[in-house]
Amino acid sequence: MNSILFLLLFNFQSIDNKYNYHTEKADIYYHRGDYPNMIFHLKEKIKLDKHDIGTYADIAYYYWSMSVDDTKRRKEFQLKALNILLEGLKNNKDSADMLDEVGNFFLHNLNHDL
């Protein structure tokens, strides 16, 4: 029985360590201005915790913030932002915060065609 408990605790610690690793790497890449690598690590965090609403919002925000260059790229990045928010909503159906993030996305993008 103790070995099963150890394995369960070890697995949770491993997940926690991976989560912290990706959090730290995302922060490093953010400060370097390397948003594609930052987003990669944020997406890895979501794989470990599908209920981390803040991470869905962070990814969407950075996609959205990268969408200001030209019309073609704006639509591409807005679609990526919307898709990550919809994934978050799918995984957090009862979350008012997640629904608020989706609503804010549409509010901020009213002046642009999606």
N, C-alpha and C. Protein backbone atom coordinates (compact mmCIF):
# COMPACT_ATOMS: atom_id res chain seq x y z
N MET A 1 0.81 -1.19 0.00
CA MET A 1 0.00 0.00 0.00
C MET A 1 0.86 1.26 0.00
N ASN A 2 1.94 1.26 0.75
CA ASN A 2 2.82 2.43 0.80
C ASN A 2 3.47 2.71 -0.55
N SER A 3 3.77 1.66 -1.31
CA SER A 3 4.40 1.87 -2.62
C SER A 3 3.43 2.54 -3.59
N ILE A 4 2.15 2.22 -3.49
CA ILE A 4 1.16 2.88 -4.35
C ILE A 4 1.04 4.35 -3.99
N LEU A 5 1.01 4.65 -2.70
CA LEU A 5 0.95 6.04 -2.24
C LEU A 5 2.18 6.80 -2.71
N PHE A 6 3.35 6.18 -2.61
CA PHE A 6 4.59 6.81 -3.06
C PHE A 6 4.52 7.13 -4.55
N LEU A 7 4.05 6.17 -5.34
CA LEU A 7 3.96 6.39 -6.79
C LEU A 7 2.99 7.52 -7.13
N LEU A 8 1.87 7.57 -6.42
CA LEU A 8 0.92 8.66 -6.64
C LEU A 8 1.53 10.01 -6.28
N LEU A 9 2.19 10.07 -5.13
CA LEU A 9 2.84 11.32 -4.72
C LEU A 9 3.95 11.70 -5.68
N PHE A 10 4.72 10.71 -6.12
CA PHE A 10 5.81 10.98 -7.07
C PHE A 10 5.25 11.55 -8.37
N ASN A 11 4.16 10.98 -8.83
CA ASN A 11 3.55 11.45 -10.08
C ASN A 11 3.06 12.89 -9.93
N PHE A 12 2.42 13.23 -8.80
CA PHE A 12 1.96 14.59 -8.57
C PHE A 12 3.14 15.56 -8.48
N GLN A 13 4.21 15.14 -7.83
CA GLN A 13 5.40 16.00 -7.74
C GLN A 13 6.00 16.20 -9.12
N SER A 14 6.00 15.15 -9.92
CA SER A 14 6.54 15.25 -11.27
C SER A 14 5.73 16.24 -12.11
N ILE A 15 4.41 16.15 -12.01
CA ILE A 15 3.54 17.09 -12.74
C ILE A 15 3.79 18.51 -12.26
N ASP A 16 3.88 18.67 -10.94
CA ASP A 16 4.14 19.99 -10.36
C ASP A 16 5.48 20.53 -10.84
N ASN A 17 6.51 19.68 -10.87
CA ASN A 17 7.83 20.11 -11.35
C ASN A 17 7.78 20.53 -12.82
N LYS A 18 7.06 19.77 -13.64
CA LYS A 18 6.93 20.12 -15.06
C LYS A 18 6.19 21.44 -15.22
N TYR A 19 5.14 21.60 -14.44
CA TYR A 19 4.34 22.84 -14.49
C TYR A 19 5.22 24.04 -14.13
N ASN A 20 5.98 23.91 -13.05
CA ASN A 20 6.88 24.99 -12.64
C ASN A 20 7.97 25.24 -13.67
N TYR A 21 8.48 24.18 -14.26
CA TYR A 21 9.50 24.32 -15.31
C TYR A 21 8.96 25.16 -16.46
N HIS A 22 7.76 24.82 -16.93
CA HIS A 22 7.18 25.55 -18.06
C HIS A 22 6.83 26.99 -17.68
N THR A 23 6.42 27.20 -16.45
CA THR A 23 6.16 28.56 -15.97
C THR A 23 7.44 29.39 -16.02
N GLU A 24 8.53 28.83 -15.51
CA GLU A 24 9.81 29.55 -15.51
C GLU A 24 10.32 29.81 -16.92
N LYS A 25 10.22 28.81 -17.79
CA LYS A 25 10.69 28.99 -19.17
C LYS A 25 9.85 30.04 -19.89
N ALA A 26 8.54 30.02 -19.69
CA ALA A 26 7.67 31.02 -20.32
C ALA A 26 8.06 32.42 -19.86
N ASP A 27 8.37 32.56 -18.58
CA ASP A 27 8.78 33.86 -18.05
C ASP A 27 10.10 34.33 -18.66
N ILE A 28 11.05 33.42 -18.79
CA ILE A 28 12.34 33.76 -19.40
C ILE A 28 12.13 34.25 -20.84
N TYR A 29 11.36 33.48 -21.61
CA TYR A 29 11.12 33.87 -23.01
C TYR A 29 10.32 35.15 -23.13
N TYR A 30 9.41 35.38 -22.18
CA TYR A 30 8.66 36.63 -22.18
C TYR A 30 9.62 37.81 -22.04
N HIS A 31 10.53 37.73 -21.10
CA HIS A 31 11.46 38.84 -20.87
C HIS A 31 12.46 39.02 -22.02
N ARG A 32 12.67 37.99 -22.78
CA ARG A 32 13.53 38.09 -23.97
C ARG A 32 12.76 38.62 -25.18
N GLY A 33 11.43 38.68 -25.05
CA GLY A 33 10.60 39.10 -26.18
C GLY A 33 10.40 38.00 -27.20
N ASP A 34 10.67 36.77 -26.80
CA ASP A 34 10.54 35.60 -27.68
C ASP A 34 9.17 34.96 -27.43
N TYR A 35 8.13 35.57 -28.02
CA TYR A 35 6.77 35.14 -27.74
C TYR A 35 6.42 33.76 -28.29
N PRO A 36 6.92 33.36 -29.45
CA PRO A 36 6.59 31.99 -29.91
C PRO A 36 7.06 30.91 -28.92
N ASN A 37 8.28 31.03 -28.39
CA ASN A 37 8.74 30.05 -27.41
C ASN A 37 8.00 30.19 -26.09
N MET A 38 7.66 31.40 -25.71
CA MET A 38 6.88 31.61 -24.50
C MET A 38 5.52 30.91 -24.63
N ILE A 39 4.87 31.10 -25.78
CA ILE A 39 3.56 30.48 -25.99
C ILE A 39 3.67 28.96 -25.98
N PHE A 40 4.75 28.43 -26.54
CA PHE A 40 4.95 26.97 -26.50
C PHE A 40 4.91 26.47 -25.06
N HIS A 41 5.64 27.13 -24.17
CA HIS A 41 5.69 26.69 -22.78
C HIS A 41 4.36 26.92 -22.06
N LEU A 42 3.65 27.97 -22.42
CA LEU A 42 2.33 28.18 -21.83
C LEU A 42 1.37 27.07 -22.27
N LYS A 43 1.47 26.65 -23.52
CA LYS A 43 0.61 25.55 -24.00
C LYS A 43 0.96 24.24 -23.29
N GLU A 44 2.22 24.05 -22.98
CA GLU A 44 2.62 22.86 -22.23
C GLU A 44 2.00 22.89 -20.83
N LYS A 45 1.90 24.07 -20.23
CA LYS A 45 1.27 24.20 -18.91
C LYS A 45 -0.20 23.77 -18.99
N ILE A 46 -0.87 24.15 -20.06
CA ILE A 46 -2.28 23.79 -20.22
C ILE A 46 -2.46 22.28 -20.32
N LYS A 47 -1.50 21.62 -20.96
CA LYS A 47 -1.59 20.15 -21.05
C LYS A 47 -1.56 19.53 -19.65
N LEU A 48 -0.87 20.18 -18.73
CA LEU A 48 -0.76 19.66 -17.36
C LEU A 48 -1.94 20.09 -16.48
N ASP A 49 -2.56 21.22 -16.81
CA ASP A 49 -3.69 21.73 -16.03
C ASP A 49 -4.68 22.44 -16.95
N LYS A 50 -5.67 21.70 -17.40
CA LYS A 50 -6.65 22.24 -18.35
C LYS A 50 -7.60 23.24 -17.71
N HIS A 51 -7.47 23.45 -16.39
CA HIS A 51 -8.34 24.39 -15.69
C HIS A 51 -7.61 25.68 -15.32
N ASP A 52 -6.44 25.89 -15.87
CA ASP A 52 -5.64 27.09 -15.59
C ASP A 52 -6.11 28.22 -16.51
N ILE A 53 -7.15 28.88 -16.11
CA ILE A 53 -7.79 29.91 -16.93
C ILE A 53 -6.84 31.06 -17.25
N GLY A 54 -6.01 31.43 -16.31
CA GLY A 54 -5.05 32.51 -16.55
C GLY A 54 -4.10 32.22 -17.69
N THR A 55 -3.71 30.96 -17.84
CA THR A 55 -2.79 30.61 -18.92
C THR A 55 -3.48 30.68 -20.27
N TYR A 56 -4.73 30.23 -20.36
CA TYR A 56 -5.47 30.39 -21.61
C TYR A 56 -5.54 31.88 -21.97
N ALA A 57 -5.85 32.71 -20.99
CA ALA A 57 -5.97 34.15 -21.22
C ALA A 57 -4.63 34.74 -21.64
N ASP A 58 -3.54 34.30 -21.02
CA ASP A 58 -2.21 34.81 -21.39
C ASP A 58 -1.87 34.47 -22.84
N ILE A 59 -2.11 33.23 -23.22
CA ILE A 59 -1.81 32.82 -24.60
C ILE A 59 -2.63 33.65 -25.57
N ALA A 60 -3.92 33.77 -25.30
CA ALA A 60 -4.79 34.54 -26.19
C ALA A 60 -4.33 35.99 -26.28
N TYR A 61 -3.95 36.57 -25.15
CA TYR A 61 -3.50 37.95 -25.15
C TYR A 61 -2.26 38.13 -26.03
N TYR A 62 -1.31 37.23 -25.91
CA TYR A 62 -0.10 37.38 -26.71
C TYR A 62 -0.35 37.11 -28.18
N TYR A 63 -1.23 36.19 -28.50
CA TYR A 63 -1.62 36.04 -29.91
C TYR A 63 -2.28 37.33 -30.39
N TRP A 64 -3.19 37.83 -29.58
CA TRP A 64 -3.89 39.05 -29.96
C TRP A 64 -2.92 40.22 -30.11
N SER A 65 -1.96 40.34 -29.21
CA SER A 65 -1.02 41.46 -29.27
C SER A 65 -0.07 41.35 -30.45
N MET A 66 0.12 40.14 -30.98
CA MET A 66 0.97 39.97 -32.16
C MET A 66 0.20 40.21 -33.45
N SER A 67 -1.07 40.56 -33.35
CA SER A 67 -1.92 40.63 -34.53
C SER A 67 -2.10 42.04 -35.07
N VAL A 68 -1.21 42.96 -34.74
CA VAL A 68 -1.44 44.34 -35.13
C VAL A 68 -0.68 44.77 -36.39
N ASP A 69 0.19 43.92 -36.95
CA ASP A 69 1.01 44.33 -38.09
C ASP A 69 0.19 44.65 -39.34
N ASP A 70 -0.45 43.65 -39.88
CA ASP A 70 -1.21 43.83 -41.11
C ASP A 70 -2.47 42.97 -41.07
N THR A 71 -3.34 43.19 -42.02
CA THR A 71 -4.65 42.53 -42.00
C THR A 71 -4.55 41.02 -42.03
N LYS A 72 -3.71 40.48 -42.90
CA LYS A 72 -3.60 39.02 -43.02
C LYS A 72 -3.10 38.41 -41.71
N ARG A 73 -2.05 38.96 -41.16
CA ARG A 73 -1.50 38.43 -39.91
C ARG A 73 -2.47 38.68 -38.75
N ARG A 74 -3.17 39.79 -38.78
CA ARG A 74 -4.14 40.07 -37.71
C ARG A 74 -5.18 38.97 -37.66
N LYS A 75 -5.73 38.61 -38.80
CA LYS A 75 -6.76 37.56 -38.83
C LYS A 75 -6.20 36.21 -38.38
N GLU A 76 -4.98 35.91 -38.80
CA GLU A 76 -4.35 34.65 -38.42
C GLU A 76 -4.17 34.56 -36.90
N PHE A 77 -3.64 35.62 -36.30
CA PHE A 77 -3.39 35.59 -34.86
C PHE A 77 -4.68 35.75 -34.05
N GLN A 78 -5.64 36.50 -34.56
CA GLN A 78 -6.92 36.60 -33.87
C GLN A 78 -7.61 35.23 -33.82
N LEU A 79 -7.52 34.50 -34.92
CA LEU A 79 -8.11 33.16 -34.96
C LEU A 79 -7.41 32.23 -33.97
N LYS A 80 -6.09 32.33 -33.87
CA LYS A 80 -5.35 31.52 -32.89
C LYS A 80 -5.79 31.89 -31.47
N ALA A 81 -5.94 33.18 -31.21
CA ALA A 81 -6.38 33.63 -29.89
C ALA A 81 -7.78 33.10 -29.58
N LEU A 82 -8.68 33.23 -30.53
CA LEU A 82 -10.04 32.76 -30.32
C LEU A 82 -10.07 31.25 -30.10
N ASN A 83 -9.29 30.51 -30.87
CA ASN A 83 -9.28 29.05 -30.71
C ASN A 83 -8.79 28.62 -29.34
N ILE A 84 -7.77 29.29 -28.82
CA ILE A 84 -7.27 28.92 -27.49
C ILE A 84 -8.30 29.27 -26.41
N LEU A 85 -9.00 30.39 -26.60
CA LEU A 85 -10.04 30.76 -25.63
C LEU A 85 -11.21 29.77 -25.69
N LEU A 86 -11.58 29.34 -26.88
CA LEU A 86 -12.67 28.38 -27.01
C LEU A 86 -12.27 27.02 -26.44
N GLU A 87 -11.00 26.66 -26.58
CA GLU A 87 -10.51 25.43 -25.94
C GLU A 87 -10.63 25.56 -24.42
N GLY A 88 -10.25 26.73 -23.91
CA GLY A 88 -10.37 26.97 -22.47
C GLY A 88 -11.81 26.91 -22.01
N LEU A 89 -12.71 27.45 -22.81
CA LEU A 89 -14.13 27.42 -22.46
C LEU A 89 -14.67 25.99 -22.49
N LYS A 90 -14.21 25.22 -23.47
CA LYS A 90 -14.62 23.82 -23.55
C LYS A 90 -14.18 23.05 -22.30
N ASN A 91 -12.98 23.33 -21.82
CA ASN A 91 -12.44 22.63 -20.65
C ASN A 91 -12.90 23.22 -19.33
N ASN A 92 -13.54 24.39 -19.38
CA ASN A 92 -13.99 25.08 -18.16
C ASN A 92 -15.38 25.64 -18.38
N LYS A 93 -16.31 24.77 -18.72
CA LYS A 93 -17.67 25.16 -19.12
C LYS A 93 -18.41 25.99 -18.07
N ASP A 94 -18.14 25.74 -16.82
CA ASP A 94 -18.88 26.40 -15.75
C ASP A 94 -18.13 27.61 -15.18
N SER A 95 -17.09 28.05 -15.86
CA SER A 95 -16.28 29.15 -15.34
C SER A 95 -16.72 30.50 -15.90
N ALA A 96 -17.19 31.34 -15.01
CA ALA A 96 -17.56 32.70 -15.42
C ALA A 96 -16.32 33.47 -15.87
N ASP A 97 -15.18 33.19 -15.25
CA ASP A 97 -13.94 33.87 -15.65
C ASP A 97 -13.54 33.52 -17.08
N MET A 98 -13.70 32.25 -17.44
CA MET A 98 -13.34 31.85 -18.81
C MET A 98 -14.30 32.48 -19.82
N LEU A 99 -15.57 32.51 -19.49
CA LEU A 99 -16.55 33.14 -20.35
C LEU A 99 -16.27 34.64 -20.48
N ASP A 100 -15.83 35.26 -19.39
CA ASP A 100 -15.46 36.67 -19.40
C ASP A 100 -14.27 36.91 -20.34
N GLU A 101 -13.30 36.00 -20.35
CA GLU A 101 -12.15 36.14 -21.25
C GLU A 101 -12.59 36.09 -22.71
N VAL A 102 -13.50 35.19 -23.03
CA VAL A 102 -14.02 35.10 -24.40
C VAL A 102 -14.76 36.39 -24.76
N GLY A 103 -15.59 36.89 -23.85
CA GLY A 103 -16.32 38.13 -24.08
C GLY A 103 -15.39 39.31 -24.28
N ASN A 104 -14.33 39.39 -23.47
CA ASN A 104 -13.35 40.47 -23.63
C ASN A 104 -12.65 40.40 -24.97
N PHE A 105 -12.38 39.20 -25.43
CA PHE A 105 -11.75 39.04 -26.74
C PHE A 105 -12.63 39.67 -27.81
N PHE A 106 -13.93 39.33 -27.80
CA PHE A 106 -14.84 39.89 -28.81
C PHE A 106 -14.99 41.40 -28.65
N LEU A 107 -15.03 41.88 -27.43
CA LEU A 107 -15.15 43.30 -27.17
C LEU A 107 -13.96 44.06 -27.75
N HIS A 108 -12.75 43.55 -27.54
CA HIS A 108 -11.54 44.22 -28.02
C HIS A 108 -11.36 44.09 -29.53
N ASN A 109 -12.04 43.16 -30.13
CA ASN A 109 -11.87 42.95 -31.57
C ASN A 109 -13.08 43.36 -32.38
N LEU A 110 -13.98 44.16 -31.80
CA LEU A 110 -15.17 44.61 -32.52
C LEU A 110 -14.83 45.42 -33.77
N ASN A 111 -13.74 46.16 -33.73
CA ASN A 111 -13.39 47.01 -34.87
C ASN A 111 -12.66 46.27 -35.97
N HIS A 112 -12.37 45.00 -35.75
CA HIS A 112 -11.64 44.22 -36.75
C HIS A 112 -12.49 43.02 -37.14
N ASP A 113 -12.47 42.69 -38.41
CA ASP A 113 -13.18 41.50 -38.87
C ASP A 113 -12.41 40.28 -38.42
N LEU A 114 -13.12 39.26 -37.93
CA LEU A 114 -12.46 38.02 -37.53
C LEU A 114 -12.46 37.03 -38.66
